Amino acid sequence: MLVLKESRDPEVIRPLVERGASFTAVNKKDKTVEDMAIKINSAAINLALYASKSRLDVAEVIQGIVGLIGIIIAWLNNQTLNKVVWGVTREMNKVIRKVHNISG
């Protein structure tokens, strides 16, 4: 991206990125856009280059939440875990009844 070297104007860079300017192409010195951006170290240029990447994709967030809910449901439905919890609860009830002299 020659404009990064020549202009360094975020208002020129942003539309190029939005229209699909390559981030992987290399210049004569074998440097990528990321290499040049790191060297320039400008917040405005970084924002122009990576603005679309800095926003969370709602679909990805929803997919992550659904996946987490699925893991929780699977964990709760695990038969072995249910048996362990049931056994611990039963033993705790026995201890509480014995300590407090509760019958039945």
PDB file of N, CA and C in Angstrom:
ATOM      1  N   MET A   1       0.857  -1.171   0.000  1.00  0.00           N
ATOM      2  CA  MET A   1       0.000   0.000   0.000  1.00  0.00           C
ATOM      3  C   MET A   1       0.899   1.228   0.000  1.00  0.00           C
ATOM      4  N   LEU A   2       1.145   1.695  -1.180  1.00  0.00           N
ATOM      5  CA  LEU A   2       2.025   2.841  -1.379  1.00  0.00           C
ATOM      6  C   LEU A   2       1.518   4.085  -0.651  1.00  0.00           C
ATOM      7  N   VAL A   3       0.199   4.219  -0.571  1.00  0.00           N
ATOM      8  CA  VAL A   3      -0.367   5.410   0.066  1.00  0.00           C
ATOM      9  C   VAL A   3       0.047   5.503   1.537  1.00  0.00           C
ATOM     10  N   LEU A   4       0.292   4.394   2.172  1.00  0.00           N
ATOM     11  CA  LEU A   4       0.725   4.408   3.572  1.00  0.00           C
ATOM     12  C   LEU A   4       2.096   5.051   3.701  1.00  0.00           C
ATOM     13  N   LYS A   5       2.941   4.796   2.728  1.00  0.00           N
ATOM     14  CA  LYS A   5       4.276   5.387   2.749  1.00  0.00           C
ATOM     15  C   LYS A   5       4.246   6.851   2.306  1.00  0.00           C
ATOM     16  N   GLU A   6       3.471   7.144   1.274  1.00  0.00           N
ATOM     17  CA  GLU A   6       3.490   8.476   0.681  1.00  0.00           C
ATOM     18  C   GLU A   6       2.622   9.489   1.423  1.00  0.00           C
ATOM     19  N   SER A   7       1.400   9.118   1.730  1.00  0.00           N
ATOM     20  CA  SER A   7       0.433  10.089   2.230  1.00  0.00           C
ATOM     21  C   SER A   7       0.313  10.100   3.751  1.00  0.00           C
ATOM     22  N   ARG A   8       0.145   8.933   4.324  1.00  0.00           N
ATOM     23  CA  ARG A   8      -0.100   8.776   5.764  1.00  0.00           C
ATOM     24  C   ARG A   8      -1.362   9.511   6.204  1.00  0.00           C
ATOM     25  N   ASP A   9      -2.291   9.658   5.287  1.00  0.00           N
ATOM     26  CA  ASP A   9      -3.554  10.338   5.575  1.00  0.00           C
ATOM     27  C   ASP A   9      -4.632   9.290   5.834  1.00  0.00           C
ATOM     28  N   PRO A  10      -5.144   9.216   7.067  1.00  0.00           N
ATOM     29  CA  PRO A  10      -6.171   8.209   7.383  1.00  0.00           C
ATOM     30  C   PRO A  10      -7.420   8.314   6.514  1.00  0.00           C
ATOM     31  N   GLU A  11      -7.752   9.520   6.071  1.00  0.00           N
ATOM     32  CA  GLU A  11      -8.940   9.703   5.225  1.00  0.00           C
ATOM     33  C   GLU A  11      -8.737   9.116   3.828  1.00  0.00           C
ATOM     34  N   VAL A  12      -7.504   8.939   3.422  1.00  0.00           N
ATOM     35  CA  VAL A  12      -7.199   8.297   2.144  1.00  0.00           C
ATOM     36  C   VAL A  12      -7.077   6.783   2.349  1.00  0.00           C
ATOM     37  N   ILE A  13      -6.525   6.393   3.473  1.00  0.00           N
ATOM     38  CA  ILE A  13      -6.284   4.973   3.755  1.00  0.00           C
ATOM     39  C   ILE A  13      -7.592   4.219   4.002  1.00  0.00           C
ATOM     40  N   ARG A  14      -8.496   4.812   4.787  1.00  0.00           N
ATOM     41  CA  ARG A  14      -9.739   4.138   5.179  1.00  0.00           C
ATOM     42  C   ARG A  14     -10.548   3.619   3.991  1.00  0.00           C
ATOM     43  N   PRO A  15     -10.827   4.448   2.961  1.00  0.00           N
ATOM     44  CA  PRO A  15     -11.614   3.918   1.825  1.00  0.00           C
ATOM     45  C   PRO A  15     -10.904   2.785   1.085  1.00  0.00           C
ATOM     46  N   LEU A  16      -9.583   2.836   1.025  1.00  0.00           N
ATOM     47  CA  LEU A  16      -8.848   1.755   0.359  1.00  0.00           C
ATOM     48  C   LEU A  16      -9.023   0.443   1.120  1.00  0.00           C
ATOM     49  N   VAL A  17      -8.947   0.526   2.440  1.00  0.00           N
ATOM     50  CA  VAL A  17      -9.138  -0.670   3.267  1.00  0.00           C
ATOM     51  C   VAL A  17     -10.565  -1.185   3.116  1.00  0.00           C
ATOM     52  N   GLU A  18     -11.529  -0.281   3.130  1.00  0.00           N
ATOM     53  CA  GLU A  18     -12.932  -0.678   2.992  1.00  0.00           C
ATOM     54  C   GLU A  18     -13.212  -1.355   1.659  1.00  0.00           C
ATOM     55  N   ARG A  19     -12.427  -1.021   0.640  1.00  0.00           N
ATOM     56  CA  ARG A  19     -12.618  -1.616  -0.683  1.00  0.00           C
ATOM     57  C   ARG A  19     -11.711  -2.817  -0.920  1.00  0.00           C
ATOM     58  N   GLY A  20     -11.043  -3.266   0.140  1.00  0.00           N
ATOM     59  CA  GLY A  20     -10.315  -4.528   0.051  1.00  0.00           C
ATOM     60  C   GLY A  20      -8.838  -4.440  -0.256  1.00  0.00           C
ATOM     61  N   ALA A  21      -8.193  -3.340   0.090  1.00  0.00           N
ATOM     62  CA  ALA A  21      -6.745  -3.239  -0.121  1.00  0.00           C
ATOM     63  C   ALA A  21      -6.044  -4.391   0.601  1.00  0.00           C
ATOM     64  N   SER A  22      -5.027  -4.921  -0.037  1.00  0.00           N
ATOM     65  CA  SER A  22      -4.331  -6.089   0.500  1.00  0.00           C
ATOM     66  C   SER A  22      -3.465  -5.741   1.704  1.00  0.00           C
ATOM     67  N   PHE A  23      -3.557  -6.568   2.717  1.00  0.00           N
ATOM     68  CA  PHE A  23      -2.695  -6.440   3.892  1.00  0.00           C
ATOM     69  C   PHE A  23      -1.493  -7.378   3.796  1.00  0.00           C
ATOM     70  N   THR A  24      -1.546  -8.307   2.841  1.00  0.00           N
ATOM     71  CA  THR A  24      -0.485  -9.314   2.731  1.00  0.00           C
ATOM     72  C   THR A  24       0.519  -9.018   1.626  1.00  0.00           C
ATOM     73  N   ALA A  25       0.197  -8.095   0.747  1.00  0.00           N
ATOM     74  CA  ALA A  25       1.137  -7.739  -0.326  1.00  0.00           C
ATOM     75  C   ALA A  25       2.387  -7.118   0.289  1.00  0.00           C
ATOM     76  N   VAL A  26       3.514  -7.368  -0.345  1.00  0.00           N
ATOM     77  CA  VAL A  26       4.772  -6.829   0.168  1.00  0.00           C
ATOM     78  C   VAL A  26       5.358  -5.831  -0.825  1.00  0.00           C
ATOM     79  N   ASN A  27       6.124  -4.880  -0.298  1.00  0.00           N
ATOM     80  CA  ASN A  27       6.768  -3.888  -1.159  1.00  0.00           C
ATOM     81  C   ASN A  27       8.154  -4.394  -1.574  1.00  0.00           C
ATOM     82  N   LYS A  28       8.943  -3.531  -2.211  1.00  0.00           N
ATOM     83  CA  LYS A  28      10.275  -3.919  -2.685  1.00  0.00           C
ATOM     84  C   LYS A  28      11.202  -4.321  -1.543  1.00  0.00           C
ATOM     85  N   LYS A  29      10.935  -3.810  -0.354  1.00  0.00           N
ATOM     86  CA  LYS A  29      11.756  -4.145   0.816  1.00  0.00           C
ATOM     87  C   LYS A  29      11.180  -5.330   1.591  1.00  0.00           C
ATOM     88  N   ASP A  30      10.217  -6.028   0.962  1.00  0.00           N
ATOM     89  CA  ASP A  30       9.587  -7.210   1.559  1.00  0.00           C
ATOM     90  C   ASP A  30       8.836  -6.877   2.857  1.00  0.00           C
ATOM     91  N   LYS A  31       8.223  -5.690   2.902  1.00  0.00           N
ATOM     92  CA  LYS A  31       7.463  -5.248   4.071  1.00  0.00           C
ATOM     93  C   LYS A  31       5.974  -5.250   3.739  1.00  0.00           C
ATOM     94  N   THR A  32       5.172  -5.694   4.686  1.00  0.00           N
ATOM     95  CA  THR A  32       3.719  -5.668   4.525  1.00  0.00           C
ATOM     96  C   THR A  32       3.172  -4.358   5.085  1.00  0.00           C
ATOM     97  N   VAL A  33       1.879  -4.162   4.901  1.00  0.00           N
ATOM     98  CA  VAL A  33       1.216  -2.977   5.449  1.00  0.00           C
ATOM     99  C   VAL A  33       1.372  -2.949   6.960  1.00  0.00           C
ATOM    100  N   GLU A  34       1.220  -4.102   7.602  1.00  0.00           N
ATOM    101  CA  GLU A  34       1.378  -4.162   9.062  1.00  0.00           C
ATOM    102  C   GLU A  34       2.784  -3.751   9.482  1.00  0.00           C
ATOM    103  N   ASP A  35       3.782  -4.208   8.738  1.00  0.00           N
ATOM    104  CA  ASP A  35       5.164  -3.825   9.050  1.00  0.00           C
ATOM    105  C   ASP A  35       5.326  -2.310   9.001  1.00  0.00           C
ATOM    106  N   MET A  36       4.772  -1.705   7.934  1.00  0.00           N
ATOM    107  CA  MET A  36       4.893  -0.252   7.786  1.00  0.00           C
ATOM    108  C   MET A  36       4.102   0.485   8.862  1.00  0.00           C
ATOM    109  N   ALA A  37       2.925  -0.011   9.200  1.00  0.00           N
ATOM    110  CA  ALA A  37       2.099   0.635  10.229  1.00  0.00           C
ATOM    111  C   ALA A  37       2.795   0.593  11.591  1.00  0.00           C
ATOM    112  N   ILE A  38       3.446  -0.510  11.875  1.00  0.00           N
ATOM    113  CA  ILE A  38       4.183  -0.620  13.146  1.00  0.00           C
ATOM    114  C   ILE A  38       5.305   0.407  13.179  1.00  0.00           C
ATOM    115  N   LYS A  39       5.998   0.543  12.063  1.00  0.00           N
ATOM    116  CA  LYS A  39       7.107   1.500  12.009  1.00  0.00           C
ATOM    117  C   LYS A  39       6.606   2.940  12.138  1.00  0.00           C
ATOM    118  N   ILE A  40       5.488   3.263  11.493  1.00  0.00           N
ATOM    119  CA  ILE A  40       4.927   4.617  11.553  1.00  0.00           C
ATOM    120  C   ILE A  40       4.388   4.916  12.952  1.00  0.00           C
ATOM    121  N   ASN A  41       3.755   3.928  13.571  1.00  0.00           N
ATOM    122  CA  ASN A  41       3.257   4.043  14.940  1.00  0.00           C
ATOM    123  C   ASN A  41       2.318   5.238  15.130  1.00  0.00           C
ATOM    124  N   SER A  42       1.278   5.289  14.302  1.00  0.00           N
ATOM    125  CA  SER A  42       0.296   6.369  14.370  1.00  0.00           C
ATOM    126  C   SER A  42      -1.070   5.795  14.740  1.00  0.00           C
ATOM    127  N   ALA A  43      -1.664   6.321  15.800  1.00  0.00           N
ATOM    128  CA  ALA A  43      -2.978   5.842  16.231  1.00  0.00           C
ATOM    129  C   ALA A  43      -4.025   6.075  15.143  1.00  0.00           C
ATOM    130  N   ALA A  44      -3.969   7.208  14.464  1.00  0.00           N
ATOM    131  CA  ALA A  44      -4.942   7.529  13.416  1.00  0.00           C
ATOM    132  C   ALA A  44      -4.830   6.557  12.242  1.00  0.00           C
ATOM    133  N   ILE A  45      -3.605   6.222  11.872  1.00  0.00           N
ATOM    134  CA  ILE A  45      -3.415   5.272  10.769  1.00  0.00           C
ATOM    135  C   ILE A  45      -3.858   3.874  11.190  1.00  0.00           C
ATOM    136  N   ASN A  46      -3.522   3.471  12.413  1.00  0.00           N
ATOM    137  CA  ASN A  46      -3.957   2.161  12.892  1.00  0.00           C
ATOM    138  C   ASN A  46      -5.476   2.062  12.928  1.00  0.00           C
ATOM    139  N   LEU A  47      -6.139   3.122  13.340  1.00  0.00           N
ATOM    140  CA  LEU A  47      -7.603   3.126  13.354  1.00  0.00           C
ATOM    141  C   LEU A  47      -8.152   3.010  11.942  1.00  0.00           C
ATOM    142  N   ALA A  48      -7.546   3.714  11.003  1.00  0.00           N
ATOM    143  CA  ALA A  48      -7.992   3.632   9.605  1.00  0.00           C
ATOM    144  C   ALA A  48      -7.778   2.228   9.042  1.00  0.00           C
ATOM    145  N   LEU A  49      -6.669   1.606   9.406  1.00  0.00           N
ATOM    146  CA  LEU A  49      -6.359   0.271   8.893  1.00  0.00           C
ATOM    147  C   LEU A  49      -7.216  -0.815   9.534  1.00  0.00           C
ATOM    148  N   TYR A  50      -7.458  -0.707  10.827  1.00  0.00           N
ATOM    149  CA  TYR A  50      -8.064  -1.810  11.562  1.00  0.00           C
ATOM    150  C   TYR A  50      -9.435  -1.488  12.146  1.00  0.00           C
ATOM    151  N   ALA A  51     -10.074  -0.425  11.693  1.00  0.00           N
ATOM    152  CA  ALA A  51     -11.378  -0.039  12.256  1.00  0.00           C
ATOM    153  C   ALA A  51     -12.395  -1.159  12.148  1.00  0.00           C
ATOM    154  N   SER A  52     -12.459  -1.801  10.998  1.00  0.00           N
ATOM    155  CA  SER A  52     -13.459  -2.854  10.830  1.00  0.00           C
ATOM    156  C   SER A  52     -13.112  -4.092  11.646  1.00  0.00           C
ATOM    157  N   LYS A  53     -11.841  -4.307  11.929  1.00  0.00           N
ATOM    158  CA  LYS A  53     -11.431  -5.467  12.712  1.00  0.00           C
ATOM    159  C   LYS A  53     -11.618  -5.235  14.208  1.00  0.00           C
ATOM    160  N   SER A  54     -11.728  -3.986  14.622  1.00  0.00           N
ATOM    161  CA  SER A  54     -11.846  -3.716  16.045  1.00  0.00           C
ATOM    162  C   SER A  54     -13.278  -3.841  16.547  1.00  0.00           C
ATOM    163  N   ARG A  55     -14.237  -3.892  15.648  1.00  0.00           N
ATOM    164  CA  ARG A  55     -15.636  -4.028  16.048  1.00  0.00           C
ATOM    165  C   ARG A  55     -15.972  -5.497  16.252  1.00  0.00           C
ATOM    166  N   LEU A  56     -16.729  -5.757  17.293  1.00  0.00           N
ATOM    167  CA  LEU A  56     -17.165  -7.123  17.532  1.00  0.00           C
ATOM    168  C   LEU A  56     -18.249  -7.494  16.534  1.00  0.00           C
ATOM    169  N   ASP A  57     -18.143  -8.665  15.986  1.00  0.00           N
ATOM    170  CA  ASP A  57     -19.160  -9.172  15.088  1.00  0.00           C
ATOM    171  C   ASP A  57     -20.266  -9.788  15.950  1.00  0.00           C
ATOM    172  N   VAL A  58     -21.480  -9.260  15.835  1.00  0.00           N
ATOM    173  CA  VAL A  58     -22.591  -9.710  16.669  1.00  0.00           C
ATOM    174  C   VAL A  58     -22.821 -11.207  16.496  1.00  0.00           C
ATOM    175  N   ALA A  59     -22.707 -11.695  15.285  1.00  0.00           N
ATOM    176  CA  ALA A  59     -22.922 -13.126  15.040  1.00  0.00           C
ATOM    177  C   ALA A  59     -21.897 -13.960  15.794  1.00  0.00           C
ATOM    178  N   GLU A  60     -20.651 -13.510  15.839  1.00  0.00           N
ATOM    179  CA  GLU A  60     -19.618 -14.250  16.567  1.00  0.00           C
ATOM    180  C   GLU A  60     -19.890 -14.240  18.064  1.00  0.00           C
ATOM    181  N   VAL A  61     -20.354 -13.115  18.587  1.00  0.00           N
ATOM    182  CA  VAL A  61     -20.673 -13.026  20.012  1.00  0.00           C
ATOM    183  C   VAL A  61     -21.825 -13.958  20.345  1.00  0.00           C
ATOM    184  N   ILE A  62     -22.872 -13.934  19.521  1.00  0.00           N
ATOM    185  CA  ILE A  62     -24.022 -14.817  19.752  1.00  0.00           C
ATOM    186  C   ILE A  62     -23.608 -16.273  19.662  1.00  0.00           C
ATOM    187  N   GLN A  63     -22.778 -16.595  18.682  1.00  0.00           N
ATOM    188  CA  GLN A  63     -22.304 -17.974  18.534  1.00  0.00           C
ATOM    189  C   GLN A  63     -21.525 -18.411  19.774  1.00  0.00           C
ATOM    190  N   GLY A  64     -20.704 -17.520  20.318  1.00  0.00           N
ATOM    191  CA  GLY A  64     -19.955 -17.834  21.526  1.00  0.00           C
ATOM    192  C   GLY A  64     -20.862 -18.061  22.719  1.00  0.00           C
ATOM    193  N   ILE A  65     -21.883 -17.223  22.866  1.00  0.00           N
ATOM    194  CA  ILE A  65     -22.826 -17.369  23.981  1.00  0.00           C
ATOM    195  C   ILE A  65     -23.603 -18.674  23.859  1.00  0.00           C
ATOM    196  N   VAL A  66     -24.075 -18.982  22.656  1.00  0.00           N
ATOM    197  CA  VAL A  66     -24.810 -20.231  22.443  1.00  0.00           C
ATOM    198  C   VAL A  66     -23.920 -21.436  22.745  1.00  0.00           C
ATOM    199  N   GLY A  67     -22.663 -21.358  22.330  1.00  0.00           N
ATOM    200  CA  GLY A  67     -21.733 -22.447  22.632  1.00  0.00           C
ATOM    201  C   GLY A  67     -21.536 -22.623  24.121  1.00  0.00           C
ATOM    202  N   LEU A  68     -21.396 -21.520  24.839  1.00  0.00           N
ATOM    203  CA  LEU A  68     -21.232 -21.583  26.293  1.00  0.00           C
ATOM    204  C   LEU A  68     -22.475 -22.162  26.957  1.00  0.00           C
ATOM    205  N   ILE A  69     -23.649 -21.758  26.506  1.00  0.00           N
ATOM    206  CA  ILE A  69     -24.891 -22.317  27.049  1.00  0.00           C
ATOM    207  C   ILE A  69     -24.954 -23.819  26.791  1.00  0.00           C
ATOM    208  N   GLY A  70     -24.530 -24.229  25.598  1.00  0.00           N
ATOM    209  CA  GLY A  70     -24.500 -25.658  25.283  1.00  0.00           C
ATOM    210  C   GLY A  70     -23.585 -26.431  26.210  1.00  0.00           C
ATOM    211  N   ILE A  71     -22.433 -25.865  26.513  1.00  0.00           N
ATOM    212  CA  ILE A  71     -21.499 -26.522  27.434  1.00  0.00           C
ATOM    213  C   ILE A  71     -22.112 -26.631  28.828  1.00  0.00           C
ATOM    214  N   ILE A  72     -22.767 -25.564  29.280  1.00  0.00           N
ATOM    215  CA  ILE A  72     -23.393 -25.586  30.609  1.00  0.00           C
ATOM    216  C   ILE A  72     -24.501 -26.638  30.660  1.00  0.00           C
ATOM    217  N   ILE A  73     -25.325 -26.687  29.615  1.00  0.00           N
ATOM    218  CA  ILE A  73     -26.403 -27.686  29.585  1.00  0.00           C
ATOM    219  C   ILE A  73     -25.832 -29.101  29.580  1.00  0.00           C
ATOM    220  N   ALA A  74     -24.795 -29.316  28.778  1.00  0.00           N
ATOM    221  CA  ALA A  74     -24.172 -30.639  28.747  1.00  0.00           C
ATOM    222  C   ALA A  74     -23.609 -31.002  30.108  1.00  0.00           C
ATOM    223  N   TRP A  75     -23.004 -30.037  30.771  1.00  0.00           N
ATOM    224  CA  TRP A  75     -22.435 -30.280  32.102  1.00  0.00           C
ATOM    225  C   TRP A  75     -23.540 -30.623  33.093  1.00  0.00           C
ATOM    226  N   LEU A  76     -24.653 -29.890  33.027  1.00  0.00           N
ATOM    227  CA  LEU A  76     -25.759 -30.139  33.954  1.00  0.00           C
ATOM    228  C   LEU A  76     -26.440 -31.471  33.674  1.00  0.00           C
ATOM    229  N   ASN A  77     -26.443 -31.902  32.426  1.00  0.00           N
ATOM    230  CA  ASN A  77     -27.102 -33.159  32.071  1.00  0.00           C
ATOM    231  C   ASN A  77     -26.201 -34.374  32.219  1.00  0.00           C
ATOM    232  N   ASN A  78     -24.975 -34.161  32.603  1.00  0.00           N
ATOM    233  CA  ASN A  78     -24.041 -35.266  32.756  1.00  0.00           C
ATOM    234  C   ASN A  78     -24.528 -36.195  33.869  1.00  0.00           C
ATOM    235  N   GLN A  79     -24.817 -37.434  33.540  1.00  0.00           N
ATOM    236  CA  GLN A  79     -25.371 -38.391  34.502  1.00  0.00           C
ATOM    237  C   GLN A  79     -24.424 -38.664  35.662  1.00  0.00           C
ATOM    238  N   THR A  80     -23.161 -38.778  35.382  1.00  0.00           N
ATOM    239  CA  THR A  80     -22.191 -39.043  36.453  1.00  0.00           C
ATOM    240  C   THR A  80     -22.173 -37.896  37.446  1.00  0.00           C
ATOM    241  N   LEU A  81     -22.150 -36.682  36.924  1.00  0.00           N
ATOM    242  CA  LEU A  81     -22.156 -35.513  37.792  1.00  0.00           C
ATOM    243  C   LEU A  81     -23.439 -35.451  38.605  1.00  0.00           C
ATOM    244  N   ASN A  82     -24.571 -35.740  37.971  1.00  0.00           N
ATOM    245  CA  ASN A  82     -25.847 -35.742  38.698  1.00  0.00           C
ATOM    246  C   ASN A  82     -25.836 -36.752  39.833  1.00  0.00           C
ATOM    247  N   LYS A  83     -25.261 -37.921  39.599  1.00  0.00           N
ATOM    248  CA  LYS A  83     -25.194 -38.947  40.645  1.00  0.00           C
ATOM    249  C   LYS A  83     -24.306 -38.493  41.801  1.00  0.00           C
ATOM    250  N   VAL A  84     -23.193 -37.855  41.472  1.00  0.00           N
ATOM    251  CA  VAL A  84     -22.280 -37.363  42.511  1.00  0.00           C
ATOM    252  C   VAL A  84     -22.982 -36.299  43.345  1.00  0.00           C
ATOM    253  N   VAL A  85     -23.625 -35.352  42.684  1.00  0.00           N
ATOM    254  CA  VAL A  85     -24.321 -34.280  43.401  1.00  0.00           C
ATOM    255  C   VAL A  85     -25.440 -34.861  44.252  1.00  0.00           C
ATOM    256  N   TRP A  86     -26.181 -35.802  43.701  1.00  0.00           N
ATOM    257  CA  TRP A  86     -27.273 -36.426  44.445  1.00  0.00           C
ATOM    258  C   TRP A  86     -26.724 -37.152  45.674  1.00  0.00           C
ATOM    259  N   GLY A  87     -25.621 -37.872  45.500  1.00  0.00           N
ATOM    260  CA  GLY A  87     -25.017 -38.601  46.623  1.00  0.00           C
ATOM    261  C   GLY A  87     -24.501 -37.664  47.706  1.00  0.00           C
ATOM    262  N   VAL A  88     -23.839 -36.589  47.296  1.00  0.00           N
ATOM    263  CA  VAL A  88     -23.325 -35.619  48.271  1.00  0.00           C
ATOM    264  C   VAL A  88     -24.480 -34.956  49.009  1.00  0.00           C
ATOM    265  N   THR A  89     -25.520 -34.601  48.298  1.00  0.00           N
ATOM    266  CA  THR A  89     -26.686 -33.970  48.919  1.00  0.00           C
ATOM    267  C   THR A  89     -27.337 -34.914  49.919  1.00  0.00           C
ATOM    268  N   ARG A  90     -27.469 -36.171  49.553  1.00  0.00           N
ATOM    269  CA  ARG A  90     -28.060 -37.168  50.459  1.00  0.00           C
ATOM    270  C   ARG A  90     -27.234 -37.304  51.725  1.00  0.00           C
ATOM    271  N   GLU A  91     -25.921 -37.374  51.579  1.00  0.00           N
ATOM    272  CA  GLU A  91     -25.050 -37.495  52.753  1.00  0.00           C
ATOM    273  C   GLU A  91     -25.106 -36.242  53.619  1.00  0.00           C
ATOM    274  N   MET A  92     -25.183 -35.082  52.994  1.00  0.00           N
ATOM    275  CA  MET A  92     -25.286 -33.837  53.762  1.00  0.00           C
ATOM    276  C   MET A  92     -26.594 -33.808  54.551  1.00  0.00           C
ATOM    277  N   ASN A  93     -27.673 -34.276  53.928  1.00  0.00           N
ATOM    278  CA  ASN A  93     -28.954 -34.337  54.639  1.00  0.00           C
ATOM    279  C   ASN A  93     -28.870 -35.254  55.848  1.00  0.00           C
ATOM    280  N   LYS A  94     -28.191 -36.381  55.702  1.00  0.00           N
ATOM    281  CA  LYS A  94     -28.021 -37.309  56.828  1.00  0.00           C
ATOM    282  C   LYS A  94     -27.276 -36.634  57.973  1.00  0.00           C
ATOM    283  N   VAL A  95     -26.198 -35.937  57.640  1.00  0.00           N
ATOM    284  CA  VAL A  95     -25.401 -35.266  58.666  1.00  0.00           C
ATOM    285  C   VAL A  95     -26.223 -34.177  59.354  1.00  0.00           C
ATOM    286  N   ILE A  96     -26.935 -33.386  58.588  1.00  0.00           N
ATOM    287  CA  ILE A  96     -27.748 -32.292  59.170  1.00  0.00           C
ATOM    288  C   ILE A  96     -28.827 -32.879  60.084  1.00  0.00           C
ATOM    289  N   ARG A  97     -29.477 -33.947  59.638  1.00  0.00           N
ATOM    290  CA  ARG A  97     -30.512 -34.573  60.469  1.00  0.00           C
ATOM    291  C   ARG A  97     -29.928 -35.136  61.749  1.00  0.00           C
ATOM    292  N   LYS A  98     -28.764 -35.713  61.666  1.00  0.00           N
ATOM    293  CA  LYS A  98     -28.126 -36.296  62.858  1.00  0.00           C
ATOM    294  C   LYS A  98     -27.705 -35.177  63.827  1.00  0.00           C
ATOM    295  N   VAL A  99     -27.109 -34.114  63.296  1.00  0.00           N
ATOM    296  CA  VAL A  99     -26.631 -33.018  64.139  1.00  0.00           C
ATOM    297  C   VAL A  99     -27.800 -32.333  64.828  1.00  0.00           C
ATOM    298  N   HIS A 100     -28.904 -32.153  64.132  1.00  0.00           N
ATOM    299  CA  HIS A 100     -30.040 -31.410  64.676  1.00  0.00           C
ATOM    300  C   HIS A 100     -31.137 -32.331  65.214  1.00  0.00           C
ATOM    301  N   ASN A 101     -30.841 -33.625  65.333  1.00  0.00           N
ATOM    302  CA  ASN A 101     -31.801 -34.612  65.867  1.00  0.00           C
ATOM    303  C   ASN A 101     -33.147 -34.558  65.157  1.00  0.00           C
ATOM    304  N   ILE A 102     -33.077 -34.596  63.826  1.00  0.00           N
ATOM    305  CA  ILE A 102     -34.299 -34.590  63.020  1.00  0.00           C
ATOM    306  C   ILE A 102     -34.531 -36.011  62.551  1.00  0.00           C
ATOM    307  N   SER A 103     -35.744 -36.511  62.747  1.00  0.00           N
ATOM    308  CA  SER A 103     -36.045 -37.868  62.302  1.00  0.00           C
ATOM    309  C   SER A 103     -36.919 -37.822  61.054  1.00  0.00           C
ATOM    310  N   GLY A 104     -36.909 -38.897  60.290  1.00  0.00           N
ATOM    311  CA  GLY A 104     -37.790 -38.989  59.127  1.00  0.00           C
ATOM    312  C   GLY A 104     -37.066 -38.892  57.920  1.00  0.00           C
TER     313      GLY A 104
END
